Amino acid sequence: MKILTILISSLAWLLAACTTAASMTPQIPSETQKASATITQSPSLTSTPLPSQTLTPAPSHTNTPRPSQTFTYTPTPTTDWNAIYQEMKSAVMTATPAALSEVHISPDGKWRVELIQYGCVDIGADEGGKNSYEQLRLVNIEDGKETIITDQLQYCEGIGAAGLGFVYWSPNSRDLYYTDSAYGVPDGGGMAWYRSLYRYKVGSGKTIALRWGPLAPDGVTMAYPDQQELVVYLWDLDEGEIARIPSSLSPSSPWPGIFGIAWSPDGKSLVYIEAENSDGIDGKSWIILLDMATFERKAIFQSESGQMCCLKWQTKDQIQYRLNNEVNNLNLPPDAGNELKPTSLWCERPDDLQQTKVAISRLPGAPQSFCIVWAESATPVSGYRVELKYDGSGEVFDYTAGPYGTQWIVPFEYQPLLDESQEQFISRHSYNISIFALTSAGESLLGATAVEVDNPDYLSLPTATPTP
């Protein structure tokens, strides 16, 4: 489908010009609880920081640009777009030699990613003008077997975003990440536009569409916004979807958007901008601070109007931002950036999860955390819905995950918290968890569990509203 989209854009002379690719470095400056509430816990934990990992790409091989060539072919009359695409691709590959542009070795040394480029060639104005062609290949170093991950035919004199490019290897070498918009910007992209990103699973050849966001200092956790859902995803390069962070934006706003994600130097927090109008100066905008230890989300600055951008950490206690091109510094709240951070945002998973389907878990190094984890559906789904229902109070909290999400890091205020007060224990000591698989036909129950906690001494707990 992506190839067809590229072809149509190429024939309409709208794709990006084949110019030298811009730097592939992600912007330097979050998937979580869909429920709309503010988490206010700063748990007292003890954890060992995760050693920083660095994804170092292999040296890139840069080739000297070749002069534009002229080559004319006679297309076969047809309305088969795939056939037309194949003819144009063949014309480019025949007229210009292949050039090895990039090479990236997997961390385990077993795989090699190659970017192959065929330079611009004029195949005649009536047949498509100047076009080029690129392939992203995966090579098994041991046996030399090659697999074309994706390819792209480009119109060299158009506008927009195009170009294949390698982005990351996952540390475990099971996944590689690439983009098909390596350079250029789409017309009308705005500040809320983020480059495409795809995860290719080396074992199965399956591709998942994401967006390209900045990596945390640990080299594993990525944060990127989804402008349709108006959330920030947290993504583990090895494991996949961690959580999604809700926003306060309304879809009915003029041009709502989330952008400017910037990780703190220690990875304990990140900041980003939520704007009612990300493509103009009218409307409110906020700087949001997310604490990675508690997933507490705070609006630390609000602008009534104007265009805000360019968040940058100055120190661990201060960030810099631009408002209407004026540089400003903002001191963070004294409690910003919890002193403790889980060693991983990937919840612990019981060995028997495939049999039980659903379980209660916690984050490594964070004993006070509360996770709900579930087994992936055996059939394709569009997502999952988690329902946490307390029998005593009748409270019901919902969370929706994407098709690759298998955990919910429950916000502090939705947790049972059974040692806080007598009233809290009575209302939440008994609860039910249900996991539903979402498909185009509706939802079906994937798994469920019921929990009841007994504490004969609960009357010794403080009361929520002590008497004078």
Protein backbone atom coordinates (compact mmCIF):
# COMPACT_ATOMS: atom_id res chain seq x y z
CA MET A 1 0.00 0.00 0.00
CA LYS A 2 2.89 2.30 0.82
CA ILE A 3 4.44 1.57 -2.58
CA LEU A 4 1.19 2.52 -4.30
CA THR A 5 1.01 5.76 -2.38
CA ILE A 6 4.56 6.58 -3.39
CA LEU A 7 3.79 5.80 -7.05
CA ILE A 8 0.74 8.02 -7.17
CA SER A 9 2.67 10.85 -5.57
CA SER A 10 5.52 10.33 -8.05
CA LEU A 11 3.22 10.49 -11.10
CA ALA A 12 1.63 13.65 -9.73
CA TRP A 13 5.08 15.25 -9.50
CA LEU A 14 4.57 15.93 -5.77
CA LEU A 15 7.23 13.87 -3.98
CA ALA A 16 10.34 15.30 -2.43
CA ALA A 17 13.30 16.32 -4.59
CA CYS A 18 16.20 13.92 -4.44
CA THR A 19 18.52 16.13 -2.56
CA THR A 20 21.18 15.21 -0.05
CA ALA A 21 19.47 13.70 3.01
CA ALA A 22 19.37 15.83 6.12
CA SER A 23 20.86 14.57 9.37
CA MET A 24 19.06 11.54 10.75
CA THR A 25 19.56 12.50 14.38
CA PRO A 26 16.24 12.55 16.26
CA GLN A 27 15.15 15.80 17.83
CA ILE A 28 16.71 16.34 21.23
CA PRO A 29 14.42 17.86 23.20
CA SER A 30 5.73 10.15 26.31
CA GLU A 31 1.56 5.65 26.04
CA THR A 32 -0.07 5.88 29.34
CA GLN A 33 -3.22 6.13 31.27
CA LYS A 34 -6.12 7.17 29.12
CA ALA A 35 -8.21 8.01 32.18
CA SER A 36 -8.43 11.73 32.71
CA ALA A 37 -7.01 12.33 36.16
CA THR A 38 -3.84 13.72 37.67
CA ILE A 39 -1.47 11.37 39.48
CA THR A 40 -0.04 12.94 42.59
CA GLN A 41 2.17 10.20 44.06
CA SER A 42 5.91 10.32 44.49
CA PRO A 43 6.56 6.79 45.82
CA SER A 44 9.50 6.20 48.07
CA LEU A 45 11.54 3.61 46.22
CA THR A 46 15.05 2.33 46.01
CA SER A 47 16.34 1.34 42.60
CA THR A 48 19.52 0.88 40.70
CA PRO A 49 19.76 3.16 37.66
CA LEU A 50 19.78 1.37 34.32
CA PRO A 51 23.20 1.69 32.71
CA SER A 52 23.07 4.05 29.78
CA GLN A 53 23.10 2.32 26.42
CA THR A 54 24.29 3.88 23.26
CA LEU A 55 23.12 2.85 19.81
CA THR A 56 26.12 3.59 17.66
CA PRO A 57 25.42 3.28 13.95
CA ALA A 58 28.03 1.79 11.70
CA PRO A 59 30.02 4.24 9.59
CA SER A 60 28.03 5.57 6.68
CA HIS A 61 29.49 5.34 3.19
CA THR A 62 28.95 8.56 1.33
CA ASN A 63 29.11 8.52 -2.45
CA THR A 64 30.00 11.39 -4.71
CA PRO A 65 26.79 12.59 -6.43
CA ARG A 66 26.60 11.66 -10.08
CA PRO A 67 25.51 14.11 -12.75
CA SER A 68 21.89 13.84 -13.82
CA GLN A 69 21.42 11.42 -16.72
CA THR A 70 18.85 11.31 -19.47
CA PHE A 71 17.13 8.05 -20.32
CA THR A 72 13.92 7.60 -22.28
CA TYR A 73 11.68 4.56 -22.11
CA THR A 74 8.39 3.76 -23.80
CA PRO A 75 5.78 2.82 -21.17
CA THR A 76 3.35 0.02 -21.87
CA PRO A 77 -0.22 1.40 -22.05
CA THR A 78 -1.87 0.26 -18.82
CA THR A 79 -3.88 1.48 -15.83
CA ASP A 80 -2.17 -1.03 -13.53
CA TRP A 81 -0.39 1.30 -11.11
CA ASN A 82 1.89 -1.44 -9.82
CA ALA A 83 2.97 -2.25 -13.39
CA ILE A 84 3.68 1.43 -14.05
CA TYR A 85 5.68 1.64 -10.84
CA GLN A 86 7.73 -1.42 -11.80
CA GLU A 87 8.44 0.03 -15.27
CA MET A 88 9.61 3.36 -13.86
CA LYS A 89 11.71 1.62 -11.22
CA SER A 90 13.32 -0.59 -13.87
CA ALA A 91 14.03 2.44 -16.04
CA VAL A 92 15.89 4.17 -13.21
CA MET A 93 17.83 1.04 -12.22
CA THR A 94 18.83 0.44 -15.85
CA ALA A 95 20.05 3.97 -16.45
CA THR A 96 22.15 4.56 -13.34
CA PRO A 97 24.36 2.29 -11.20
CA ALA A 98 23.55 1.34 -7.62
CA ALA A 99 25.41 3.18 -4.87
CA LEU A 100 25.86 1.86 -1.32
CA SER A 101 24.94 4.86 0.81
CA GLU A 102 24.71 3.52 4.38
CA VAL A 103 25.72 0.38 6.30
CA HIS A 104 24.59 -0.41 9.87
CA ILE A 105 25.58 -3.60 11.74
CA SER A 106 23.24 -5.06 14.41
CA PRO A 107 24.51 -5.04 18.02
CA ASP A 108 24.93 -8.84 17.96
CA GLY A 109 26.94 -8.64 14.73
CA LYS A 110 24.62 -11.04 12.83
CA TRP A 111 22.78 -8.59 10.57
CA ARG A 112 23.65 -5.71 8.27
CA VAL A 113 21.32 -2.99 7.01
CA GLU A 114 22.23 -1.41 3.67
CA LEU A 115 20.74 1.63 1.99
CA ILE A 116 21.07 1.35 -1.80
CA GLN A 117 20.49 4.45 -3.94
CA TYR A 118 20.02 4.89 -7.68
CA GLY A 119 20.59 8.54 -8.61
CA CYS A 120 18.25 10.89 -10.46
CA VAL A 121 17.67 9.98 -14.10
CA ASP A 122 15.52 11.82 -16.63
CA ILE A 123 13.09 9.30 -18.11
CA GLY A 124 11.27 11.97 -20.13
CA ALA A 125 8.89 14.69 -18.98
CA ASP A 126 5.81 12.90 -20.28
CA GLU A 127 6.75 9.68 -18.53
CA GLY A 128 7.75 11.02 -15.14
CA GLY A 129 10.64 13.47 -15.44
CA LYS A 130 13.64 12.94 -13.19
CA ASN A 131 13.25 10.06 -10.77
CA SER A 132 15.47 8.13 -8.39
CA TYR A 133 15.03 4.89 -6.54
CA GLU A 134 16.11 3.60 -3.10
CA GLN A 135 16.14 0.20 -1.38
CA LEU A 136 16.61 -0.65 2.28
CA ARG A 137 18.07 -4.15 2.54
CA LEU A 138 18.66 -6.56 5.40
CA VAL A 139 21.59 -8.94 4.96
CA ASN A 140 22.25 -12.08 7.01
CA ILE A 141 26.00 -11.77 7.54
CA GLU A 142 26.48 -15.52 8.05
CA ASP A 143 24.90 -16.76 4.78
CA GLY A 144 24.68 -13.53 2.77
CA LYS A 145 20.90 -13.80 2.23
CA GLU A 146 19.36 -10.44 1.31
CA THR A 147 15.84 -9.21 2.07
CA ILE A 148 14.41 -5.96 0.71
CA ILE A 149 12.70 -4.38 3.72
CA THR A 150 11.18 -1.56 1.69
CA ASP A 151 11.84 0.58 -1.38
CA GLN A 152 10.86 4.00 -2.66
CA LEU A 153 10.61 5.62 -6.10
CA GLN A 154 11.11 9.37 -5.80
CA TYR A 155 10.37 12.34 -8.03
CA CYS A 156 13.49 14.48 -7.95
CA GLU A 157 11.89 17.85 -8.60
CA GLY A 158 8.96 17.76 -6.19
CA ILE A 159 8.30 19.07 -2.70
CA GLY A 160 7.53 17.30 0.55
CA ALA A 161 9.16 14.67 2.75
CA ALA A 162 10.75 11.54 1.29
CA GLY A 163 13.81 9.32 1.42
CA LEU A 164 14.59 6.05 3.16
CA GLY A 165 16.87 6.04 6.16
CA PHE A 166 18.01 3.76 8.96
CA VAL A 167 17.25 5.10 12.46
CA TYR A 168 17.89 2.54 15.26
CA TRP A 169 18.74 -1.05 15.99
CA SER A 170 17.02 -2.40 19.13
CA PRO A 171 19.67 -3.39 21.71
CA ASN A 172 18.58 -7.05 21.46
CA SER A 173 18.98 -6.99 17.63
CA ARG A 174 15.44 -8.36 17.09
CA ASP A 175 14.06 -5.13 15.62
CA LEU A 176 15.33 -2.36 13.40
CA TYR A 177 13.74 1.04 12.96
CA TYR A 178 13.69 3.06 9.74
CA THR A 179 11.93 6.05 8.16
CA ASP A 180 10.55 6.76 4.70
CA SER A 181 10.67 10.54 5.24
CA ALA A 182 14.35 11.05 5.91
CA TYR A 183 14.52 14.58 4.54
CA GLY A 184 12.23 17.42 3.58
CA VAL A 185 9.02 18.55 5.25
CA PRO A 186 5.46 18.05 3.94
CA ASP A 187 3.68 21.15 2.74
CA GLY A 188 1.74 22.44 5.75
CA GLY A 189 3.44 19.99 8.13
CA GLY A 190 3.63 22.46 11.01
CA MET A 191 5.49 22.13 14.28
CA ALA A 192 3.39 19.11 15.32
CA TRP A 193 4.66 17.01 12.38
CA TYR A 194 7.05 14.19 13.27
CA ARG A 195 8.88 12.01 10.76
CA SER A 196 7.55 8.54 10.10
CA LEU A 197 9.13 5.60 11.87
CA TYR A 198 8.66 1.89 11.25
CA ARG A 199 9.68 -1.09 13.36
CA TYR A 200 10.73 -4.10 11.30
CA LYS A 201 10.86 -7.41 13.18
CA VAL A 202 13.84 -9.35 11.90
CA GLY A 203 12.38 -12.76 12.77
CA SER A 204 8.92 -12.42 11.20
CA GLY A 205 9.41 -9.60 8.69
CA LYS A 206 6.42 -7.80 10.23
CA THR A 207 6.39 -3.98 10.02
CA ILE A 208 4.70 -1.66 12.53
CA ALA A 209 4.07 2.04 11.82
CA LEU A 210 5.09 4.49 14.55
CA ARG A 211 6.39 8.06 14.71
CA TRP A 212 9.97 9.12 15.20
CA GLY A 213 10.61 10.57 18.63
CA PRO A 214 13.67 11.27 20.78
CA LEU A 215 15.37 8.55 22.83
CA ALA A 216 15.84 8.82 26.58
CA PRO A 217 19.40 8.82 27.93
CA ASP A 218 19.03 5.06 28.60
CA GLY A 219 19.11 4.54 24.83
CA VAL A 220 16.03 2.27 24.97
CA THR A 221 12.96 4.37 25.83
CA MET A 222 11.47 6.54 23.09
CA ALA A 223 8.73 9.17 23.42
CA TYR A 224 6.61 10.33 20.49
CA PRO A 225 3.25 12.10 20.08
CA ASP A 226 0.17 10.81 18.27
CA GLN A 227 -1.67 13.78 16.81
CA GLN A 228 -4.87 11.81 16.13
CA GLU A 229 -5.22 10.35 19.62
CA LEU A 230 -3.62 13.46 21.21
CA VAL A 231 -1.46 11.35 23.50
CA VAL A 232 2.26 10.80 24.03
CA TYR A 233 3.49 7.25 23.55
CA LEU A 234 6.29 5.72 25.58
CA TRP A 235 7.98 2.95 23.59
CA ASP A 236 10.69 0.45 24.51
CA LEU A 237 12.92 -0.34 21.52
CA ASP A 238 13.20 -3.97 22.66
CA GLU A 239 9.74 -4.71 24.07
CA GLY A 240 7.40 -2.26 22.30
CA GLU A 241 4.58 -0.14 23.69
CA ILE A 242 5.02 0.81 27.34
CA ALA A 243 2.24 3.32 27.97
CA ARG A 244 0.45 6.37 26.62
CA ILE A 245 0.16 9.73 28.35
CA PRO A 246 -3.15 11.57 27.87
CA SER A 247 -3.35 15.27 27.07
CA SER A 248 -5.85 17.96 28.02
CA LEU A 249 -6.39 18.98 24.39
CA SER A 250 -9.79 18.90 22.75
CA PRO A 251 -10.11 17.48 19.21
CA SER A 252 -12.43 20.41 18.48
CA SER A 253 -9.59 22.93 18.94
CA PRO A 254 -8.44 24.72 15.75
CA TRP A 255 -5.30 22.62 15.22
CA PRO A 256 -4.47 20.72 18.43
CA GLY A 257 -1.00 19.26 18.64
CA ILE A 258 1.75 17.88 20.87
CA PHE A 259 5.37 18.60 20.04
CA GLY A 260 8.79 19.67 21.33
CA ILE A 261 9.49 16.56 23.44
CA ALA A 262 12.74 16.92 25.41
CA TRP A 263 14.20 14.38 27.86
CA SER A 264 15.97 15.58 30.99
CA PRO A 265 19.69 14.74 31.07
CA ASP A 266 19.11 12.05 33.74
CA GLY A 267 16.04 10.57 32.03
CA LYS A 268 13.89 11.02 35.15
CA SER A 269 11.46 13.39 33.44
CA LEU A 270 10.60 14.96 30.11
CA VAL A 271 8.85 18.10 28.92
CA TYR A 272 6.73 18.83 25.86
CA ILE A 273 4.23 21.36 24.54
CA GLU A 274 0.47 20.96 24.20
CA ALA A 275 -1.08 23.61 21.95
CA GLU A 276 -4.67 24.35 20.98
CA ASN A 277 -3.39 25.71 17.68
CA SER A 278 -0.04 24.19 16.75
CA ASP A 279 -0.09 25.87 13.34
CA GLY A 280 -0.70 29.45 14.40
CA ILE A 281 -0.48 32.03 17.15
CA ASP A 282 -4.10 31.99 18.35
CA GLY A 283 -5.03 29.71 21.24
CA LYS A 284 -3.52 28.58 24.50
CA SER A 285 -0.43 26.42 24.86
CA TRP A 286 1.15 24.68 27.82
CA ILE A 287 4.53 23.26 28.80
CA ILE A 288 3.95 19.83 30.35
CA LEU A 289 6.36 18.14 32.75
CA LEU A 290 6.12 14.34 33.06
CA ASP A 291 7.76 12.57 36.01
CA MET A 292 8.91 9.13 34.85
CA ALA A 293 8.89 7.67 38.39
CA THR A 294 5.22 8.38 39.03
CA PHE A 295 3.86 9.29 35.56
CA GLU A 296 2.58 12.46 37.20
CA ARG A 297 1.80 15.04 34.53
CA LYS A 298 1.95 18.76 35.41
CA ALA A 299 1.34 21.92 33.40
CA ILE A 300 4.23 24.12 34.53
CA PHE A 301 3.67 27.07 32.18
CA GLN A 302 0.72 28.45 30.21
CA SER A 303 0.61 30.98 27.39
CA GLU A 304 -2.72 32.58 26.44
CA SER A 305 -1.59 33.11 22.84
CA GLY A 306 1.48 33.13 20.66
CA GLN A 307 3.67 30.44 19.15
CA MET A 308 5.76 28.42 21.57
CA CYS A 309 8.55 26.03 20.64
CA CYS A 310 12.10 24.84 21.09
CA LEU A 311 12.23 23.30 24.57
CA LYS A 312 15.74 22.70 25.83
CA TRP A 313 17.12 21.63 29.22
CA GLN A 314 19.60 24.15 30.60
CA THR A 315 20.15 22.38 33.93
CA LYS A 316 18.25 19.70 35.83
CA ASP A 317 16.19 22.52 37.38
CA GLN A 318 15.70 24.83 34.39
CA ILE A 319 14.47 24.61 30.81
CA GLN A 320 14.60 27.08 27.96
CA TYR A 321 11.74 27.81 25.55
CA ARG A 322 10.83 30.27 22.81
CA LEU A 323 7.62 32.27 22.74
CA ASN A 324 7.09 34.40 19.64
CA ASN A 325 10.84 34.02 18.90
CA GLU A 326 11.79 35.39 22.31
CA VAL A 327 14.06 33.14 24.39
CA ASN A 328 12.90 32.53 27.98
CA ASN A 329 14.08 30.40 30.89
CA LEU A 330 11.72 28.52 33.20
CA ASN A 331 12.65 27.20 36.64
CA LEU A 332 11.06 23.85 37.40
CA PRO A 333 9.01 23.15 40.54
CA PRO A 334 11.15 22.11 43.53
CA ASP A 335 9.78 18.53 43.47
CA ALA A 336 10.19 18.07 39.73
CA GLY A 337 12.00 14.94 38.60
CA ASN A 338 11.45 12.34 41.32
CA GLU A 339 14.71 11.29 42.90
CA LEU A 340 13.92 7.64 42.19
CA LYS A 341 13.25 6.00 38.86
CA PRO A 342 12.26 2.39 38.09
CA THR A 343 15.07 0.41 36.51
CA SER A 344 12.70 -0.26 33.59
CA LEU A 345 9.30 0.94 32.45
CA TRP A 346 8.53 -2.59 31.24
CA CYS A 347 6.42 -4.29 33.94
CA GLU A 348 7.48 -7.67 35.33
CA ARG A 349 5.63 -10.54 33.62
CA PRO A 350 4.82 -13.84 35.41
CA ASP A 351 6.04 -17.03 33.72
CA ASP A 352 2.47 -18.44 33.57
CA LEU A 353 0.96 -15.35 31.91
CA GLN A 354 0.07 -17.28 28.75
CA GLN A 355 -2.16 -19.53 30.87
CA THR A 356 -3.65 -16.95 33.25
CA LYS A 357 -3.99 -14.29 30.47
CA VAL A 358 -3.99 -11.44 33.03
CA ALA A 359 -1.94 -10.69 36.15
CA ILE A 360 -1.04 -7.99 38.65
CA SER A 361 2.59 -6.94 38.53
CA ARG A 362 4.97 -4.06 39.27
CA LEU A 363 7.83 -2.15 37.73
CA PRO A 364 11.34 -3.48 38.38
CA GLY A 365 12.92 -1.60 41.25
CA ALA A 366 9.63 0.10 42.17
CA PRO A 367 7.80 -2.01 44.81
CA GLN A 368 5.05 0.55 45.27
CA SER A 369 4.09 0.52 41.58
CA PHE A 370 0.94 -1.27 40.39
CA CYS A 371 0.82 -2.83 36.91
CA ILE A 372 -1.80 -4.85 35.08
CA VAL A 373 -0.26 -7.10 32.42
CA TRP A 374 -1.88 -9.42 29.91
CA ALA A 375 -0.97 -11.96 27.24
CA GLU A 376 -1.05 -10.86 23.63
CA SER A 377 -4.09 -12.04 21.67
CA ALA A 378 -3.50 -15.03 19.38
CA THR A 379 -5.47 -13.27 16.62
CA PRO A 380 -4.95 -9.74 15.22
CA VAL A 381 -6.58 -6.94 17.21
CA SER A 382 -6.89 -3.18 16.87
CA GLY A 383 -6.24 -2.67 20.57
CA TYR A 384 -7.14 -3.68 24.12
CA ARG A 385 -9.43 -2.25 26.79
CA VAL A 386 -8.63 -2.74 30.48
CA GLU A 387 -11.37 -2.38 33.10
CA LEU A 388 -10.50 -2.01 36.79
CA LYS A 389 -13.66 -2.16 38.95
CA TYR A 390 -13.82 -1.75 42.74
CA ASP A 391 -16.72 -3.62 44.36
CA GLY A 392 -16.99 -1.53 47.53
CA SER A 393 -17.09 1.91 45.93
CA GLY A 394 -18.43 0.99 42.49
CA GLU A 395 -15.56 2.92 40.89
CA VAL A 396 -14.63 1.84 37.38
CA PHE A 397 -11.42 2.92 35.61
CA ASP A 398 -10.79 2.18 31.94
CA TYR A 399 -7.58 2.18 29.96
CA THR A 400 -7.19 1.61 26.23
CA ALA A 401 -3.96 0.27 24.74
CA GLY A 402 -2.90 -0.06 21.14
CA PRO A 403 -2.54 -3.37 19.25
CA TYR A 404 0.97 -3.91 20.64
CA GLY A 405 0.28 -2.82 24.22
CA THR A 406 0.23 -5.55 26.89
CA GLN A 407 0.48 -3.57 30.13
CA TRP A 408 -1.07 -0.72 32.11
CA ILE A 409 1.01 1.14 34.66
CA VAL A 410 -1.92 2.15 36.85
CA PRO A 411 -1.91 5.78 38.04
CA PHE A 412 -1.41 6.24 41.74
CA GLU A 413 -4.89 7.56 42.46
CA TYR A 414 -6.53 4.55 40.74
CA GLN A 415 -4.55 1.98 42.78
CA PRO A 416 -6.07 0.12 45.77
CA LEU A 417 -3.74 1.83 48.32
CA LEU A 418 -5.15 -0.35 51.10
CA ASP A 419 -2.92 0.93 53.91
CA GLU A 420 -3.92 4.59 53.63
CA SER A 421 -7.18 4.68 55.58
CA GLN A 422 -10.11 2.58 56.84
CA GLU A 423 -12.39 4.11 54.22
CA GLN A 424 -9.93 3.34 51.42
CA PHE A 425 -9.63 -0.28 52.53
CA ILE A 426 -13.40 -0.77 52.70
CA SER A 427 -14.01 0.75 49.27
CA ARG A 428 -11.13 -0.92 47.39
CA HIS A 429 -10.09 -4.17 49.11
CA SER A 430 -12.13 -6.16 46.57
CA TYR A 431 -11.77 -5.55 42.85
CA ASN A 432 -12.08 -7.13 39.41
CA ILE A 433 -9.80 -6.75 36.37
CA SER A 434 -11.04 -7.55 32.85
CA ILE A 435 -9.10 -7.40 29.57
CA PHE A 436 -11.04 -7.02 26.31
CA ALA A 437 -9.61 -7.52 22.81
CA LEU A 438 -10.82 -4.87 20.37
CA THR A 439 -11.58 -5.72 16.72
CA SER A 440 -13.69 -4.29 13.91
CA ALA A 441 -16.51 -6.60 15.05
CA GLY A 442 -16.48 -5.19 18.59
CA GLU A 443 -14.81 -6.36 21.78
CA SER A 444 -14.39 -9.80 23.35
CA LEU A 445 -13.17 -10.85 26.78
CA LEU A 446 -9.54 -11.94 26.65
CA GLY A 447 -9.05 -12.63 30.37
CA ALA A 448 -10.19 -11.61 33.85
CA THR A 449 -9.20 -11.95 37.48
CA ALA A 450 -10.82 -11.13 40.84
CA VAL A 451 -8.86 -9.99 43.88
CA GLU A 452 -9.94 -9.68 47.53
CA VAL A 453 -7.47 -8.55 50.19
CA ASP A 454 -8.15 -9.51 53.82
CA ASN A 455 -6.86 -7.38 56.71
CA PRO A 456 -8.40 -8.15 60.12
CA ASP A 457 -6.59 -5.14 61.55
CA TYR A 458 -7.89 -2.59 59.07
CA LEU A 459 -9.66 -0.74 61.92
CA SER A 460 -6.22 0.21 63.20
CA LEU A 461 -5.68 2.27 60.07
CA PRO A 462 -6.24 6.05 60.30
CA THR A 463 -9.58 7.43 59.20
CA ALA A 464 -9.76 9.65 56.12
CA THR A 465 -11.63 12.35 58.05
CA PRO A 466 -10.39 12.22 61.64
CA THR A 467 -12.69 13.64 64.24
CA PRO A 468 -11.51 16.68 66.24
